[in-house]
């Protein structure tokens, strides 16, 4: 089970690194459902309509790719049955 867990974490890091390598920036918009206030006292404001721009630095994709590759290689060295 630990082997599959580390393999999944490594693959997720590699995929995230590839995504960061491909995109330059990501713009996240709020939907109309997210702008609905939770309490009845507060009215929707202009602050709820803001965009969030995520622009990863140049070193982030390479860090995710290398860390994911190391974790994947580590998952292959874990024995199938851990004694314990």
N, C-alpha and C. Protein backbone atom coordinates (compact mmCIF):
# COMPACT_ATOMS: atom_id res chain seq x y z
N UNK A 1 0.82 -1.19 0.00
CA UNK A 1 0.00 0.00 0.00
C UNK A 1 0.87 1.26 0.00
N UNK A 2 1.96 1.23 0.73
CA UNK A 2 2.86 2.38 0.75
C UNK A 2 3.50 2.60 -0.62
N UNK A 3 3.75 1.50 -1.31
CA UNK A 3 4.34 1.60 -2.63
C UNK A 3 3.41 2.34 -3.59
N UNK A 4 2.15 1.99 -3.58
CA UNK A 4 1.16 2.64 -4.45
C UNK A 4 0.97 4.10 -4.06
N UNK A 5 1.02 4.38 -2.76
CA UNK A 5 0.87 5.76 -2.29
C UNK A 5 2.00 6.64 -2.81
N UNK A 6 3.24 6.18 -2.65
CA UNK A 6 4.37 6.98 -3.12
C UNK A 6 4.40 7.08 -4.64
N UNK A 7 3.98 6.04 -5.33
CA UNK A 7 3.90 6.10 -6.79
C UNK A 7 2.87 7.14 -7.23
N UNK A 8 1.73 7.19 -6.56
CA UNK A 8 0.69 8.17 -6.90
C UNK A 8 1.16 9.59 -6.61
N UNK A 9 1.84 9.80 -5.49
CA UNK A 9 2.37 11.13 -5.16
C UNK A 9 3.40 11.56 -6.20
N UNK A 10 4.27 10.65 -6.59
CA UNK A 10 5.28 10.97 -7.60
C UNK A 10 4.68 11.29 -8.95
N UNK A 11 3.68 10.53 -9.34
CA UNK A 11 3.03 10.80 -10.62
C UNK A 11 2.28 12.13 -10.59
N UNK A 12 1.66 12.45 -9.47
CA UNK A 12 0.97 13.74 -9.35
C UNK A 12 1.96 14.90 -9.44
N UNK A 13 3.13 14.76 -8.82
CA UNK A 13 4.14 15.81 -8.91
C UNK A 13 4.67 15.98 -10.34
N UNK A 14 4.86 14.88 -11.04
CA UNK A 14 5.33 14.96 -12.42
C UNK A 14 4.28 15.63 -13.30
N UNK A 15 3.01 15.26 -13.13
CA UNK A 15 1.95 15.87 -13.93
C UNK A 15 1.83 17.36 -13.62
N UNK A 16 1.90 17.72 -12.33
CA UNK A 16 1.84 19.13 -11.96
C UNK A 16 3.03 19.90 -12.52
N UNK A 17 4.21 19.29 -12.51
CA UNK A 17 5.38 19.93 -13.10
C UNK A 17 5.24 20.14 -14.59
N UNK A 18 4.69 19.16 -15.30
CA UNK A 18 4.46 19.31 -16.74
C UNK A 18 3.44 20.40 -17.03
N UNK A 19 2.41 20.48 -16.21
CA UNK A 19 1.41 21.54 -16.40
C UNK A 19 2.03 22.92 -16.17
N UNK A 20 2.84 23.04 -15.15
CA UNK A 20 3.49 24.33 -14.88
C UNK A 20 4.50 24.69 -15.98
N UNK A 21 5.07 23.66 -16.61
CA UNK A 21 6.02 23.90 -17.69
C UNK A 21 5.31 24.40 -18.94
N UNK A 22 4.09 23.94 -19.16
CA UNK A 22 3.35 24.29 -20.37
C UNK A 22 2.69 25.67 -20.25
N UNK A 23 2.10 25.96 -19.09
CA UNK A 23 1.38 27.22 -18.96
C UNK A 23 2.31 28.35 -18.53
N UNK A 24 1.96 29.56 -18.90
CA UNK A 24 2.70 30.73 -18.46
C UNK A 24 2.07 31.32 -17.20
N UNK A 25 0.74 31.32 -17.19
CA UNK A 25 0.00 31.78 -16.03
C UNK A 25 -1.41 31.21 -16.09
N UNK A 26 -2.06 31.17 -14.94
CA UNK A 26 -3.43 30.69 -14.86
C UNK A 26 -4.28 31.78 -14.22
N UNK A 27 -5.41 32.08 -14.83
CA UNK A 27 -6.33 33.09 -14.30
C UNK A 27 -7.56 32.36 -13.80
N UNK A 28 -7.83 32.50 -12.50
CA UNK A 28 -8.97 31.85 -11.88
C UNK A 28 -10.08 32.88 -11.67
N UNK A 29 -11.25 32.60 -12.22
CA UNK A 29 -12.40 33.48 -12.09
C UNK A 29 -13.36 32.90 -11.07
N UNK A 30 -14.06 33.75 -10.38
CA UNK A 30 -15.09 33.29 -9.46
C UNK A 30 -16.38 33.08 -10.25
N UNK A 31 -17.09 32.04 -9.92
CA UNK A 31 -18.36 31.78 -10.59
C UNK A 31 -19.48 32.49 -9.84
N UNK A 32 -20.65 32.48 -10.42
CA UNK A 32 -21.80 33.13 -9.78
C UNK A 32 -22.18 32.40 -8.50
N UNK A 33 -21.99 31.09 -8.46
CA UNK A 33 -22.32 30.33 -7.26
C UNK A 33 -21.38 30.69 -6.11
N UNK A 34 -20.14 31.01 -6.41
CA UNK A 34 -19.19 31.37 -5.37
C UNK A 34 -19.43 32.77 -4.85
N UNK A 35 -20.14 33.59 -5.60
CA UNK A 35 -20.40 34.98 -5.18
C UNK A 35 -21.61 35.09 -4.27
N UNK A 36 -22.36 34.02 -4.10
CA UNK A 36 -23.53 34.06 -3.22
C UNK A 36 -23.05 34.11 -1.77
N UNK A 37 -23.50 35.09 -1.01
CA UNK A 37 -23.06 35.18 0.39
C UNK A 37 -23.67 34.06 1.22
N UNK A 38 -22.94 33.66 2.26
CA UNK A 38 -23.42 32.60 3.12
C UNK A 38 -24.47 33.08 4.12
N UNK A 39 -24.34 34.32 4.55
CA UNK A 39 -25.33 34.84 5.50
C UNK A 39 -26.25 35.81 4.77
N UNK A 40 -27.44 36.03 5.32
CA UNK A 40 -28.42 36.90 4.67
C UNK A 40 -28.12 38.37 4.92
N UNK A 41 -27.25 38.67 5.88
CA UNK A 41 -26.96 40.06 6.22
C UNK A 41 -26.03 40.73 5.22
N UNK A 42 -25.16 39.94 4.61
CA UNK A 42 -24.15 40.52 3.73
C UNK A 42 -24.62 40.48 2.28
N UNK A 43 -24.45 41.58 1.59
CA UNK A 43 -24.78 41.65 0.17
C UNK A 43 -23.52 41.37 -0.64
N UNK A 44 -23.63 40.84 -1.87
CA UNK A 44 -22.44 40.61 -2.69
C UNK A 44 -21.73 41.93 -2.98
N UNK A 45 -20.44 41.91 -2.86
CA UNK A 45 -19.67 43.12 -3.10
C UNK A 45 -18.80 42.95 -4.34
N UNK A 46 -18.12 44.01 -4.70
CA UNK A 46 -17.23 43.96 -5.87
C UNK A 46 -16.01 43.10 -5.57
N UNK A 47 -15.73 42.89 -4.30
CA UNK A 47 -14.56 42.08 -3.93
C UNK A 47 -14.74 40.62 -4.32
N UNK A 48 -15.96 40.14 -4.37
CA UNK A 48 -16.20 38.74 -4.71
C UNK A 48 -15.97 38.46 -6.20
N UNK A 49 -15.91 39.47 -7.04
CA UNK A 49 -15.74 39.27 -8.47
C UNK A 49 -14.28 39.37 -8.90
N UNK A 50 -13.34 39.34 -7.98
CA UNK A 50 -11.92 39.46 -8.33
C UNK A 50 -11.41 38.20 -9.01
N UNK A 51 -10.39 38.38 -9.81
CA UNK A 51 -9.69 37.28 -10.45
C UNK A 51 -8.42 37.00 -9.65
N UNK A 52 -8.03 35.75 -9.65
CA UNK A 52 -6.77 35.36 -9.02
C UNK A 52 -5.85 34.89 -10.14
N UNK A 53 -4.68 35.50 -10.25
CA UNK A 53 -3.71 35.14 -11.29
C UNK A 53 -2.57 34.38 -10.62
N UNK A 54 -2.35 33.16 -11.09
CA UNK A 54 -1.26 32.32 -10.58
C UNK A 54 -0.20 32.26 -11.66
N UNK A 55 0.98 32.77 -11.36
CA UNK A 55 2.08 32.75 -12.31
C UNK A 55 3.28 32.08 -11.63
N UNK A 56 3.51 30.79 -11.91
CA UNK A 56 4.58 30.07 -11.22
C UNK A 56 5.96 30.59 -11.66
N UNK A 57 6.89 30.69 -10.71
CA UNK A 57 8.25 31.08 -11.08
C UNK A 57 8.89 30.05 -12.02
N UNK A 58 10.00 30.41 -12.61
CA UNK A 58 10.63 29.56 -13.61
C UNK A 58 11.18 28.26 -13.02
N UNK A 59 11.52 28.23 -11.74
CA UNK A 59 12.11 27.06 -11.12
C UNK A 59 11.07 26.03 -10.65
N UNK A 60 9.81 26.39 -10.56
CA UNK A 60 8.79 25.50 -10.01
C UNK A 60 8.57 24.24 -10.86
N UNK A 61 8.43 24.33 -12.19
CA UNK A 61 8.19 23.09 -12.95
C UNK A 61 9.33 22.09 -12.83
N UNK A 62 10.56 22.57 -12.85
CA UNK A 62 11.71 21.68 -12.79
C UNK A 62 11.83 21.05 -11.41
N UNK A 63 11.44 21.78 -10.39
CA UNK A 63 11.46 21.23 -9.03
C UNK A 63 10.42 20.12 -8.89
N UNK A 64 9.20 20.37 -9.38
CA UNK A 64 8.15 19.36 -9.31
C UNK A 64 8.52 18.12 -10.13
N UNK A 65 9.08 18.33 -11.33
CA UNK A 65 9.46 17.20 -12.16
C UNK A 65 10.55 16.36 -11.51
N UNK A 66 11.57 17.00 -10.97
CA UNK A 66 12.67 16.24 -10.36
C UNK A 66 12.23 15.57 -9.07
N UNK A 67 11.45 16.25 -8.25
CA UNK A 67 10.97 15.63 -7.01
C UNK A 67 10.04 14.46 -7.32
N UNK A 68 9.19 14.61 -8.33
CA UNK A 68 8.30 13.52 -8.72
C UNK A 68 9.08 12.32 -9.25
N UNK A 69 10.12 12.56 -10.02
CA UNK A 69 10.93 11.46 -10.54
C UNK A 69 11.64 10.72 -9.41
N UNK A 70 12.15 11.45 -8.43
CA UNK A 70 12.82 10.82 -7.29
C UNK A 70 11.84 9.99 -6.48
N UNK A 71 10.63 10.50 -6.27
CA UNK A 71 9.63 9.76 -5.49
C UNK A 71 9.18 8.52 -6.25
N UNK A 72 9.04 8.60 -7.57
CA UNK A 72 8.67 7.43 -8.37
C UNK A 72 9.77 6.37 -8.28
N UNK A 73 11.01 6.78 -8.42
CA UNK A 73 12.11 5.82 -8.30
C UNK A 73 12.17 5.22 -6.90
N UNK A 74 11.88 6.01 -5.89
CA UNK A 74 11.85 5.50 -4.52
C UNK A 74 10.73 4.48 -4.35
N UNK A 75 9.59 4.71 -4.99
CA UNK A 75 8.47 3.78 -4.85
C UNK A 75 8.82 2.41 -5.44
N UNK A 76 9.68 2.37 -6.44
CA UNK A 76 10.07 1.08 -7.01
C UNK A 76 11.05 0.33 -6.13
N UNK A 77 11.73 1.01 -5.23
CA UNK A 77 12.68 0.35 -4.34
C UNK A 77 12.03 -0.17 -3.06
N UNK A 78 10.79 0.26 -2.78
CA UNK A 78 10.09 -0.25 -1.59
C UNK A 78 9.68 -1.70 -1.86
N UNK A 79 9.99 -2.61 -0.94
CA UNK A 79 9.58 -4.00 -1.17
C UNK A 79 8.06 -4.13 -1.22
N UNK A 80 7.60 -5.16 -1.90
CA UNK A 80 6.16 -5.36 -2.04
C UNK A 80 5.48 -5.57 -0.70
N UNK A 81 6.11 -6.28 0.19
CA UNK A 81 5.57 -6.50 1.53
C UNK A 81 6.58 -5.96 2.55
N UNK A 82 6.15 -4.97 3.28
CA UNK A 82 7.02 -4.39 4.29
C UNK A 82 6.82 -5.18 5.58
N UNK A 83 7.92 -5.69 6.14
CA UNK A 83 7.84 -6.45 7.40
C UNK A 83 7.64 -5.48 8.55
N UNK A 84 6.70 -5.78 9.41
CA UNK A 84 6.52 -4.88 10.53
C UNK A 84 5.37 -5.15 11.36
